[in-house]
Structure formats: structure tokens, C-alpha cells
Amino acid sequence: MTATTDTTTSVELNLPHGLVGFPLAQRFRLSESEGGLYDMQCVDIPDMAFVVIAPSPFFPDYSPVIDPETAERLELSSPEDALVLLLVNLGSDTEEPGANLLAPVVVNRHTKQAVQVVLVDQDLPLRATLPVD
């Protein structure tokens, strides 16, 4: 007899303005998966889900500048209050997996309020190949 323990934790994120292109997708359940990946399942639209990553293991030099209006809207007092997540495109047989560095999801770690921010005036790619070992 074997027993399994589900140690996965999840939190609910609230994006009042939805994601870019998906304004009605406002509530997501974020669950940690394997290999530094997270599953971001939409609560409002059950068939909608995204894979997201924390940038540092994959893009250690990534340091987006969050504008003051976004920081104020999310009530971020310091950079440590923010959790930055990158949406991942899993790719295909002919395309490598990639992450959206231009429009991260920024989360207030304390309130779980979040926004997807399009970083203007920053030279970041919409799709950066995900380094895979």
C-alpha cells in the first residue's frame, strides 16, 4: 500500500482588469508545478489556463521596471512586496517554449491583487526562448 501526499499549495489571484486580450479572466488559482513552473487556472473561465514561471531561475538578468502607477494600484511598498510571473508559450514541434518578458503579471504578495503590465520603453521581447537544460 502506498500513500501520496499532495503538498501543492495554491493561492487565488485577483486581476480586476483581466489579462491582455482576456478582460473577463479576472480570478486565477496559482499552483506550483514541477521544475519551477506554475499552473495559473482561470476560475472565471474554467477551460482557460496558463503556465507561468518566476523569472529568476530562467532569466536571471531580467529586472523589469514597474511604473509608479502600477505600484500604487497594487499597493506595493517595496520591490519585495511584488511577485513577478511570466506567461509561457509551451511551443510546438517546430517552436521552442518561450516566455513573455514584455508583459509580466505583477502580484502583490500580501493582497494577491495582480495586473498584467505591458512594459513600455523597455527593450524586452514578447517571446524569449525558455532556456531548457
Foldseek 3Di string as FASTA:
>chain_A
DDDDDDPKDKDKAAECQAAVVCRQQGIWIWIDDPPQKIKTAGPRDRVDIFIKGQCCVFPVVQDADDDPVQCVVQVPPDPVQKGKIWTWDPADPVGAIWTQSQWIWIARNPPSYIYTDGRPPDPGHRTDGGDDD
